[in-house]
């Protein structure tokens, strides 16, 4: 989870059930996923693979401050595929 004092979360193509199991596993082992400061958004940001509830659980609630403390990477096509990433 860490590299040079940075906390990374790489999700690949995991869907919501897999992310929930990962969050359960981390919680059971005393890992705080909210410490992640760089994360990969699953499956190109597809709305079927990720949503606000699991993101809030893993990364913490949406910040109301303009100061960015986290970075998320979404792999998407150069030409802007209509479904990925989901605008939500």
C-alpha atoms as a PDB file:
ATOM      1  CA  UNK A   1       0.000   0.000   0.000  1.00  0.00           C
ATOM      2  CA  UNK A   2       2.869   2.427   0.465  1.00  0.00           C
ATOM      3  CA  UNK A   3       5.788   3.670  -1.594  1.00  0.00           C
ATOM      4  CA  UNK A   4       8.113   6.492  -0.514  1.00  0.00           C
ATOM      5  CA  UNK A   5       5.609   7.672   2.120  1.00  0.00           C
ATOM      6  CA  UNK A   6       2.786   7.705  -0.429  1.00  0.00           C
ATOM      7  CA  UNK A   7      -0.206   5.415  -0.111  1.00  0.00           C
ATOM      8  CA  UNK A   8      -1.431   3.889  -3.360  1.00  0.00           C
ATOM      9  CA  UNK A   9      -4.594   1.972  -4.195  1.00  0.00           C
ATOM     10  CA  UNK A  10      -4.580   0.109  -7.510  1.00  0.00           C
ATOM     11  CA  UNK A  11      -7.962  -1.397  -8.294  1.00  0.00           C
ATOM     12  CA  UNK A  12      -7.713  -2.805 -11.818  1.00  0.00           C
ATOM     13  CA  UNK A  13     -11.155  -3.897 -13.018  1.00  0.00           C
ATOM     14  CA  UNK A  14     -12.614  -4.524  -9.558  1.00  0.00           C
ATOM     15  CA  UNK A  15     -16.316  -3.851  -9.196  1.00  0.00           C
ATOM     16  CA  UNK A  16     -18.209  -2.644  -6.141  1.00  0.00           C
ATOM     17  CA  UNK A  17     -18.450  -6.120  -4.512  1.00  0.00           C
ATOM     18  CA  UNK A  18     -14.681  -6.635  -4.833  1.00  0.00           C
ATOM     19  CA  UNK A  19     -13.983  -3.147  -3.484  1.00  0.00           C
ATOM     20  CA  UNK A  20     -16.289  -3.831  -0.524  1.00  0.00           C
ATOM     21  CA  UNK A  21     -14.420  -7.063   0.213  1.00  0.00           C
ATOM     22  CA  UNK A  22     -11.106  -5.211  -0.047  1.00  0.00           C
ATOM     23  CA  UNK A  23     -12.391  -2.558   2.379  1.00  0.00           C
ATOM     24  CA  UNK A  24     -13.573  -5.322   4.764  1.00  0.00           C
ATOM     25  CA  UNK A  25     -10.144  -6.985   4.536  1.00  0.00           C
ATOM     26  CA  UNK A  26      -8.313  -3.718   5.179  1.00  0.00           C
ATOM     27  CA  UNK A  27     -10.550  -2.882   8.131  1.00  0.00           C
ATOM     28  CA  UNK A  28     -10.078  -6.359   9.630  1.00  0.00           C
ATOM     29  CA  UNK A  29      -6.293  -5.969   9.381  1.00  0.00           C
ATOM     30  CA  UNK A  30      -6.235  -2.432  10.756  1.00  0.00           C
ATOM     31  CA  UNK A  31      -5.407  -0.704   7.453  1.00  0.00           C
ATOM     32  CA  UNK A  32      -6.960   2.713   6.942  1.00  0.00           C
ATOM     33  CA  UNK A  33      -7.691   3.049   3.232  1.00  0.00           C
ATOM     34  CA  UNK A  34      -8.594   6.700   3.784  1.00  0.00           C
ATOM     35  CA  UNK A  35      -4.831   7.282   4.093  1.00  0.00           C
ATOM     36  CA  UNK A  36      -4.549   6.583   0.355  1.00  0.00           C
ATOM     37  CA  UNK A  37      -3.404   9.692  -1.481  1.00  0.00           C
ATOM     38  CA  UNK A  38      -3.270   8.200  -5.004  1.00  0.00           C
ATOM     39  CA  UNK A  39      -5.901   5.803  -6.308  1.00  0.00           C
ATOM     40  CA  UNK A  40      -6.856   4.227  -9.579  1.00  0.00           C
ATOM     41  CA  UNK A  41     -10.550   4.475 -10.470  1.00  0.00           C
ATOM     42  CA  UNK A  42     -11.804   1.044 -11.452  1.00  0.00           C
ATOM     43  CA  UNK A  43     -12.742   0.006 -14.982  1.00  0.00           C
ATOM     44  CA  UNK A  44     -12.360   3.404 -16.685  1.00  0.00           C
ATOM     45  CA  UNK A  45     -14.766   5.038 -14.211  1.00  0.00           C
ATOM     46  CA  UNK A  46     -17.704   2.882 -15.283  1.00  0.00           C
ATOM     47  CA  UNK A  47     -20.746   3.655 -13.125  1.00  0.00           C
ATOM     48  CA  UNK A  48     -21.307  -0.101 -12.745  1.00  0.00           C
ATOM     49  CA  UNK A  49     -17.860  -0.620 -11.217  1.00  0.00           C
ATOM     50  CA  UNK A  50     -17.628   2.278  -8.780  1.00  0.00           C
ATOM     51  CA  UNK A  51     -19.962   4.644  -6.966  1.00  0.00           C
ATOM     52  CA  UNK A  52     -20.112   7.293  -4.259  1.00  0.00           C
ATOM     53  CA  UNK A  53     -20.829   4.902  -1.366  1.00  0.00           C
ATOM     54  CA  UNK A  54     -17.780   2.711  -1.890  1.00  0.00           C
ATOM     55  CA  UNK A  55     -15.576   5.703  -2.729  1.00  0.00           C
ATOM     56  CA  UNK A  56     -16.630   7.391   0.514  1.00  0.00           C
ATOM     57  CA  UNK A  57     -15.870   4.194   2.422  1.00  0.00           C
ATOM     58  CA  UNK A  58     -12.444   3.745   0.862  1.00  0.00           C
ATOM     59  CA  UNK A  59     -11.275   7.316   0.371  1.00  0.00           C
ATOM     60  CA  UNK A  60     -13.386   9.211   2.904  1.00  0.00           C
ATOM     61  CA  UNK A  61     -16.165  11.706   2.227  1.00  0.00           C
ATOM     62  CA  UNK A  62     -15.934  14.245  -0.566  1.00  0.00           C
ATOM     63  CA  UNK A  63     -13.838  17.202   0.538  1.00  0.00           C
ATOM     64  CA  UNK A  64     -15.482  20.610   0.600  1.00  0.00           C
ATOM     65  CA  UNK A  65     -12.148  22.392   0.436  1.00  0.00           C
ATOM     66  CA  UNK A  66     -10.435  23.555  -2.741  1.00  0.00           C
ATOM     67  CA  UNK A  67      -7.174  22.176  -1.311  1.00  0.00           C
ATOM     68  CA  UNK A  68      -6.541  18.845  -3.017  1.00  0.00           C
ATOM     69  CA  UNK A  69      -5.171  16.125  -0.801  1.00  0.00           C
ATOM     70  CA  UNK A  70      -5.909  13.087  -2.980  1.00  0.00           C
ATOM     71  CA  UNK A  71      -5.382  12.151  -6.609  1.00  0.00           C
ATOM     72  CA  UNK A  72      -7.396   9.651  -8.653  1.00  0.00           C
ATOM     73  CA  UNK A  73      -6.357   8.299 -12.036  1.00  0.00           C
ATOM     74  CA  UNK A  74      -8.976   7.240 -14.592  1.00  0.00           C
ATOM     75  CA  UNK A  75      -7.831   5.331 -17.646  1.00  0.00           C
ATOM     76  CA  UNK A  76      -9.962   6.505 -20.569  1.00  0.00           C
ATOM     77  CA  UNK A  77      -9.709   6.675 -24.323  1.00  0.00           C
ATOM     78  CA  UNK A  78      -8.099   9.675 -25.955  1.00  0.00           C
ATOM     79  CA  UNK A  79     -11.175  10.372 -28.087  1.00  0.00           C
ATOM     80  CA  UNK A  80     -13.623  10.424 -25.147  1.00  0.00           C
ATOM     81  CA  UNK A  81     -15.665   7.251 -25.150  1.00  0.00           C
ATOM     82  CA  UNK A  82     -19.333   8.064 -24.388  1.00  0.00           C
ATOM     83  CA  UNK A  83     -19.609   5.744 -21.340  1.00  0.00           C
ATOM     84  CA  UNK A  84     -16.149   5.815 -19.770  1.00  0.00           C
ATOM     85  CA  UNK A  85     -15.519   7.554 -17.508  1.00  0.00           C
ATOM     86  CA  UNK A  86     -19.033   8.160 -16.238  1.00  0.00           C
ATOM     87  CA  UNK A  87     -19.553  11.868 -15.524  1.00  0.00           C
ATOM     88  CA  UNK A  88     -21.157  11.010 -12.159  1.00  0.00           C
END
